[in-house]
Amino acid sequence: MIPILSPILTVTMTSDFLQPYQARIDAKLNDLFTSASPAPALQQAMVYASLGGGKRLRASLVYLGCEALSLDLSVGDSAAIAVELMHAYSLIHDDLPAMDDDDLRRGQPSTHIKFGEATAILAGDALQSLAFETLAKDELLAEGTRIKLITGLAHRAGHQGMAGGQSLDMAAEDQSLTGEALIQVHRLKTGALIEFAASAGAVIHDQATTRRHPLATFGRDIGLAFQVQDDILDEVSSTEVLGKIQGSDRSQQKSTFVSLFGLEGAQEHLDQLLVNATEALTRSGLGTTNLLALIEFVGNRKY
């Protein structure tokens, strides 16, 4: 059996209110990898990519949405695990030489640097499969709910979501995008999984199968806000603080919110998205203390 990282060590301390959710998801991810694998080197790469730190924003959003709807956190575990596995897969592939070619992730060597490109690609593939398997096997959820969650995650991870956004992002290298085109890229590449996470509790509560639920609206705005703040930090922060190569988008001549609108304009766009996210919650009576704190965290984070 391969060594499993301790949940205590893998929790990234960001804001106090997030720590219980971070600890919960790291424990659940640890549990997922306790069984021996016929391909131990591959499993080690999967553990490295999925348990090597991170803000756990997406899993926390699943749990926060469940809390806002008075659901027990246990019914959100499989969705929280699945979205974190999907996110980890996306980061592995995003860092590959054929994609963004980044050698550093979360302050550590990227998975392909640590394990080689072939193993990294397979680890991403396996994490994606495991995400869907985890949802499919969750006996706490009705079969219909599992199907809705699997369908929602597949849609937001595929060509109409994250993968489509990554494709548009790569095609935009050495080009100057319009603001509308840039927003489309990042609503898909970054925002789609965040929207899934924010609205998973509503699906479990059987209130939503569409994008019209207030938690989905909130997720849509907070997902884009997260990317705008990423662009700002990529300009003003450092590699040491970010845990990834600072200025990588600029070096690849990609359009960003800062390159299009300047730092002040990007900050104004961020502020408006945070206002929109807050209003989506407060109008619907779902503005819990922790969800509102998460909005503030996204706007003020340093990495």
Protein backbone atom coordinates (compact mmCIF):
# COMPACT_ATOMS: atom_id res chain seq x y z
CA MET A 1 0.00 0.00 0.00
CA ILE A 2 1.32 3.44 -0.86
CA PRO A 3 1.79 6.03 1.90
CA ILE A 4 -1.20 8.33 2.31
CA LEU A 5 -0.78 11.98 3.22
CA SER A 6 -2.12 13.08 6.58
CA PRO A 7 -5.29 15.20 6.45
CA ILE A 8 -3.74 17.52 9.03
CA LEU A 9 -0.78 18.19 6.78
CA THR A 10 -2.73 18.66 3.59
CA VAL A 11 -5.19 21.27 4.84
CA THR A 12 -4.18 24.64 3.46
CA MET A 13 -4.84 27.24 6.12
CA THR A 14 -6.67 30.09 4.45
CA SER A 15 -9.51 31.47 6.56
CA ASP A 16 -10.70 30.02 9.83
CA PHE A 17 -14.26 29.46 8.63
CA LEU A 18 -13.06 27.17 5.83
CA GLN A 19 -10.89 24.91 7.95
CA PRO A 20 -13.60 22.40 9.00
CA TYR A 21 -14.59 21.86 5.35
CA GLN A 22 -10.97 21.60 4.26
CA ALA A 23 -10.25 19.05 6.96
CA ARG A 24 -13.37 17.07 6.07
CA ILE A 25 -12.57 16.83 2.36
CA ASP A 26 -8.93 15.93 2.95
CA ALA A 27 -10.01 13.11 5.27
CA LYS A 28 -12.49 11.88 2.66
CA LEU A 29 -9.86 11.99 -0.07
CA ASN A 30 -7.43 10.10 2.16
CA ASP A 31 -10.06 7.41 2.71
CA LEU A 32 -10.51 7.09 -1.02
CA PHE A 33 -6.91 6.00 -1.53
CA THR A 34 -6.51 3.54 1.34
CA SER A 35 -7.05 0.48 -0.87
CA ALA A 36 -4.05 -0.96 -2.67
CA SER A 37 -3.90 -0.37 -6.41
CA PRO A 38 -2.64 -2.76 -9.12
CA ALA A 39 -0.77 0.30 -10.44
CA PRO A 40 0.88 1.78 -7.31
CA ALA A 41 2.99 4.34 -9.18
CA LEU A 42 -0.14 5.69 -10.84
CA GLN A 43 -1.98 5.82 -7.54
CA GLN A 44 0.93 7.70 -5.96
CA ALA A 45 0.66 10.34 -8.69
CA MET A 46 -3.09 10.58 -8.10
CA VAL A 47 -2.54 11.10 -4.37
CA TYR A 48 0.18 13.68 -5.04
CA ALA A 49 -2.09 15.68 -7.33
CA SER A 50 -5.27 15.52 -5.27
CA LEU A 51 -3.87 15.70 -1.73
CA GLY A 52 -0.94 18.04 -2.28
CA GLY A 53 -2.57 21.08 -0.70
CA GLY A 54 -4.95 23.59 -2.21
CA LYS A 55 -7.68 25.93 -0.99
CA ARG A 56 -10.45 23.29 -1.32
CA LEU A 57 -12.75 26.07 -2.46
CA ARG A 58 -14.89 23.79 -4.62
CA ALA A 59 -15.47 21.16 -1.95
CA SER A 60 -16.16 23.88 0.61
CA LEU A 61 -18.77 25.35 -1.73
CA VAL A 62 -20.55 21.99 -1.88
CA TYR A 63 -20.68 21.83 1.90
CA LEU A 64 -21.66 25.49 2.30
CA GLY A 65 -24.52 25.03 -0.17
CA CYS A 66 -25.72 21.99 1.74
CA GLU A 67 -25.63 23.95 5.00
CA ALA A 68 -27.58 26.84 3.46
CA LEU A 69 -30.32 24.34 2.57
CA SER A 70 -30.22 22.68 6.03
CA LEU A 71 -28.79 19.42 4.65
CA ASP A 72 -26.41 17.17 6.53
CA LEU A 73 -22.87 17.47 5.19
CA SER A 74 -22.68 13.72 4.65
CA VAL A 75 -25.03 13.94 1.65
CA GLY A 76 -22.59 16.34 0.01
CA ASP A 77 -19.47 14.23 0.51
CA SER A 78 -19.49 12.46 -2.85
CA ALA A 79 -20.07 15.69 -4.79
CA ALA A 80 -17.31 17.41 -2.80
CA ILE A 81 -14.91 14.54 -3.50
CA ALA A 82 -15.88 14.39 -7.17
CA VAL A 83 -15.38 18.09 -7.83
CA GLU A 84 -11.99 18.08 -6.11
CA LEU A 85 -10.87 15.05 -8.14
CA MET A 86 -12.06 16.71 -11.33
CA HIS A 87 -10.22 19.89 -10.39
CA ALA A 88 -7.03 17.94 -9.64
CA TYR A 89 -7.25 16.20 -13.02
CA SER A 90 -7.66 19.55 -14.76
CA LEU A 91 -4.60 21.00 -13.03
CA ILE A 92 -2.44 18.02 -14.04
CA HIS A 93 -3.39 18.40 -17.69
CA ASP A 94 -3.30 22.21 -17.56
CA ASP A 95 0.36 22.10 -16.43
CA LEU A 96 1.53 19.74 -19.18
CA PRO A 97 4.08 20.98 -21.74
CA ALA A 98 1.48 20.74 -24.51
CA MET A 99 -0.85 22.98 -22.54
CA ASP A 100 0.38 25.78 -20.22
CA ASP A 101 3.78 24.15 -19.55
CA ASP A 102 4.00 25.02 -15.85
CA ASP A 103 6.63 23.35 -13.66
CA LEU A 104 5.20 24.48 -10.32
CA ARG A 105 1.81 23.84 -8.72
CA ARG A 106 0.80 24.59 -5.11
CA GLY A 107 4.42 25.34 -4.29
CA GLN A 108 5.59 21.91 -5.45
CA PRO A 109 6.78 20.41 -8.74
CA SER A 110 3.87 19.84 -11.11
CA THR A 111 2.75 16.23 -11.42
CA HIS A 112 4.45 15.70 -14.77
CA ILE A 113 7.73 17.05 -13.36
CA LYS A 114 7.50 14.72 -10.36
CA PHE A 115 6.28 11.55 -12.12
CA GLY A 116 6.85 12.08 -15.85
CA GLU A 117 4.39 13.10 -18.55
CA ALA A 118 2.93 9.67 -19.28
CA THR A 119 2.10 8.92 -15.64
CA ALA A 120 0.73 12.44 -15.17
CA ILE A 121 -1.63 12.08 -18.14
CA LEU A 122 -2.85 8.72 -16.85
CA ALA A 123 -3.26 10.12 -13.33
CA GLY A 124 -5.50 12.87 -14.71
CA ASP A 125 -7.52 10.33 -16.67
CA ALA A 126 -7.89 8.10 -13.61
CA LEU A 127 -8.93 10.98 -11.33
CA GLN A 128 -11.65 11.98 -13.78
CA SER A 129 -12.99 8.42 -13.87
CA LEU A 130 -12.83 8.17 -10.09
CA ALA A 131 -14.88 11.36 -9.75
CA PHE A 132 -17.80 9.85 -11.63
CA GLU A 133 -17.41 6.48 -9.88
CA THR A 134 -17.60 8.20 -6.49
CA LEU A 135 -20.89 9.88 -7.37
CA ALA A 136 -22.34 6.73 -8.90
CA LYS A 137 -21.63 4.63 -5.78
CA ASP A 138 -23.03 7.05 -3.18
CA GLU A 139 -25.85 5.09 -1.53
CA LEU A 140 -26.85 8.07 0.62
CA LEU A 141 -28.31 9.67 -2.50
CA ALA A 142 -31.27 8.52 -4.54
CA GLU A 143 -30.41 7.11 -7.95
CA GLY A 144 -32.08 10.03 -9.71
CA THR A 145 -30.02 12.51 -7.69
CA ARG A 146 -26.82 10.68 -8.56
CA ILE A 147 -27.71 10.83 -12.25
CA LYS A 148 -28.38 14.57 -12.03
CA LEU A 149 -25.05 15.18 -10.31
CA ILE A 150 -23.12 13.00 -12.75
CA THR A 151 -24.79 14.71 -15.71
CA GLY A 152 -24.13 18.15 -14.27
CA LEU A 153 -20.48 17.42 -13.57
CA ALA A 154 -19.94 15.83 -16.99
CA HIS A 155 -21.52 18.82 -18.71
CA ARG A 156 -19.40 21.35 -16.81
CA ALA A 157 -16.18 19.37 -17.29
CA GLY A 158 -16.62 18.72 -21.02
CA HIS A 159 -16.55 20.68 -24.25
CA GLN A 160 -19.36 22.96 -23.09
CA GLY A 161 -17.53 23.65 -19.84
CA MET A 162 -14.00 23.37 -18.51
CA ALA A 163 -12.40 21.52 -21.45
CA GLY A 164 -14.05 23.90 -23.90
CA GLY A 165 -12.76 26.86 -21.94
CA GLN A 166 -9.24 25.44 -21.92
CA SER A 167 -9.44 24.97 -25.69
CA LEU A 168 -10.54 28.57 -26.19
CA ASP A 169 -7.80 29.74 -23.83
CA MET A 170 -5.10 27.93 -25.78
CA ALA A 171 -6.46 29.23 -29.09
CA ALA A 172 -6.28 32.78 -27.69
CA GLU A 173 -2.52 32.76 -27.11
CA ASP A 174 -0.80 35.65 -28.91
CA GLN A 175 -4.21 37.22 -29.54
CA SER A 176 -6.07 40.12 -27.98
CA LEU A 177 -9.55 39.01 -26.97
CA THR A 178 -12.56 41.22 -26.49
CA GLY A 179 -13.88 41.51 -22.95
CA GLU A 180 -16.91 39.41 -23.90
CA ALA A 181 -14.71 36.65 -25.35
CA LEU A 182 -12.47 36.65 -22.27
CA ILE A 183 -15.47 36.30 -19.99
CA GLN A 184 -16.70 33.35 -22.03
CA VAL A 185 -13.30 31.62 -21.75
CA HIS A 186 -13.21 31.88 -17.99
CA ARG A 187 -16.88 31.19 -17.30
CA LEU A 188 -16.10 27.84 -18.91
CA LYS A 189 -12.49 27.12 -17.93
CA THR A 190 -12.67 28.21 -14.27
CA GLY A 191 -16.28 29.04 -13.52
CA ALA A 192 -18.03 25.88 -14.69
CA LEU A 193 -16.72 23.60 -11.94
CA ILE A 194 -17.24 26.28 -9.31
CA GLU A 195 -20.85 26.69 -10.45
CA PHE A 196 -21.34 22.91 -10.18
CA ALA A 197 -19.94 22.92 -6.65
CA ALA A 198 -22.08 25.84 -5.52
CA SER A 199 -25.29 24.32 -6.90
CA ALA A 200 -24.69 20.67 -5.92
CA GLY A 201 -26.58 21.12 -2.65
CA ALA A 202 -29.62 22.39 -4.57
CA VAL A 203 -29.55 19.30 -6.79
CA ILE A 204 -29.32 17.07 -3.71
CA HIS A 205 -32.18 19.02 -2.15
CA ASP A 206 -34.10 18.35 -5.39
CA GLN A 207 -34.70 22.04 -5.99
CA ALA A 208 -32.73 22.50 -9.20
CA THR A 209 -31.71 20.75 -12.35
CA THR A 210 -31.16 24.01 -14.24
CA ARG A 211 -28.99 27.10 -13.87
CA ARG A 212 -31.86 29.18 -12.46
CA HIS A 213 -31.41 28.29 -8.78
CA PRO A 214 -29.93 31.15 -6.67
CA LEU A 215 -26.99 28.95 -5.66
CA ALA A 216 -26.18 28.39 -9.34
CA THR A 217 -26.41 32.13 -10.01
CA PHE A 218 -24.15 32.77 -7.03
CA GLY A 219 -21.71 30.11 -8.27
CA ARG A 220 -21.63 31.61 -11.74
CA ASP A 221 -20.61 35.03 -10.38
CA ILE A 222 -18.20 33.77 -7.74
CA GLY A 223 -16.53 31.48 -10.31
CA LEU A 224 -15.74 34.38 -12.63
CA ALA A 225 -14.72 36.54 -9.66
CA PHE A 226 -12.23 33.86 -8.66
CA GLN A 227 -10.61 34.08 -12.11
CA VAL A 228 -10.51 37.89 -12.13
CA GLN A 229 -8.71 37.80 -8.79
CA ASP A 230 -6.35 35.17 -10.23
CA ASP A 231 -5.47 37.57 -13.05
CA ILE A 232 -4.88 40.39 -10.58
CA LEU A 233 -2.67 38.23 -8.37
CA ASP A 234 -0.76 36.94 -11.39
CA GLU A 235 0.21 40.55 -12.02
CA VAL A 236 0.91 41.85 -8.50
CA SER A 237 1.93 38.81 -6.42
CA SER A 238 5.03 36.57 -6.44
CA THR A 239 5.80 32.95 -7.27
CA GLU A 240 6.55 32.26 -3.61
CA VAL A 241 3.15 33.50 -2.44
CA LEU A 242 1.13 32.07 -5.33
CA GLY A 243 2.71 28.61 -5.26
CA LYS A 244 2.84 28.68 -9.08
CA ILE A 245 4.82 30.63 -11.63
CA GLN A 246 3.91 34.32 -11.38
CA GLY A 247 3.29 36.09 -14.67
CA SER A 248 2.79 32.89 -16.67
CA ASP A 249 -0.22 34.23 -18.58
CA ARG A 250 1.69 37.37 -19.54
CA SER A 251 4.68 35.30 -20.69
CA GLN A 252 2.35 33.29 -22.96
CA GLN A 253 0.80 36.52 -24.24
CA LYS A 254 -2.69 35.57 -23.13
CA SER A 255 -5.43 38.13 -22.68
CA THR A 256 -6.32 38.65 -19.02
CA PHE A 257 -8.67 40.98 -17.20
CA VAL A 258 -5.65 43.06 -16.25
CA SER A 259 -4.22 43.24 -19.77
CA LEU A 260 -7.62 44.26 -21.18
CA PHE A 261 -8.91 46.58 -18.46
CA GLY A 262 -5.86 47.48 -16.38
CA LEU A 263 -5.51 46.78 -12.66
CA GLU A 264 -8.13 49.35 -11.67
CA GLY A 265 -10.62 48.12 -14.26
CA ALA A 266 -10.07 44.49 -13.28
CA GLN A 267 -10.65 45.39 -9.63
CA GLU A 268 -13.89 47.17 -10.53
CA HIS A 269 -15.07 44.12 -12.46
CA LEU A 270 -14.19 41.92 -9.47
CA ASP A 271 -16.06 44.17 -7.07
CA GLN A 272 -19.22 44.09 -9.22
CA LEU A 273 -19.15 40.30 -9.46
CA LEU A 274 -18.86 40.05 -5.68
CA VAL A 275 -21.84 42.39 -5.29
CA ASN A 276 -23.83 40.28 -7.74
CA ALA A 277 -22.93 37.07 -5.87
CA THR A 278 -23.97 38.63 -2.56
CA GLU A 279 -27.29 39.80 -3.95
CA ALA A 280 -28.07 36.36 -5.39
CA LEU A 281 -27.77 34.92 -1.89
CA THR A 282 -29.45 37.65 0.12
CA ARG A 283 -32.46 37.95 -2.21
CA SER A 284 -33.13 34.24 -1.82
CA GLY A 285 -32.56 34.07 1.93
CA LEU A 286 -29.49 31.85 1.47
CA GLY A 287 -26.95 34.41 2.63
CA THR A 288 -25.51 32.37 5.49
CA THR A 289 -22.62 33.79 7.47
CA ASN A 290 -20.16 31.35 5.91
CA LEU A 291 -21.31 31.81 2.32
CA LEU A 292 -21.00 35.58 2.70
CA ALA A 293 -17.58 35.07 4.31
CA LEU A 294 -16.54 33.02 1.30
CA ILE A 295 -17.41 35.92 -1.00
CA GLU A 296 -15.16 38.17 1.08
CA PHE A 297 -12.43 35.52 1.01
CA VAL A 298 -12.50 35.27 -2.78
CA GLY A 299 -12.19 39.03 -3.09
CA ASN A 300 -9.35 39.36 -0.59
CA ARG A 301 -7.31 36.18 -1.06
CA LYS A 302 -3.58 36.49 -1.71
CA TYR A 303 -2.98 33.18 -3.52
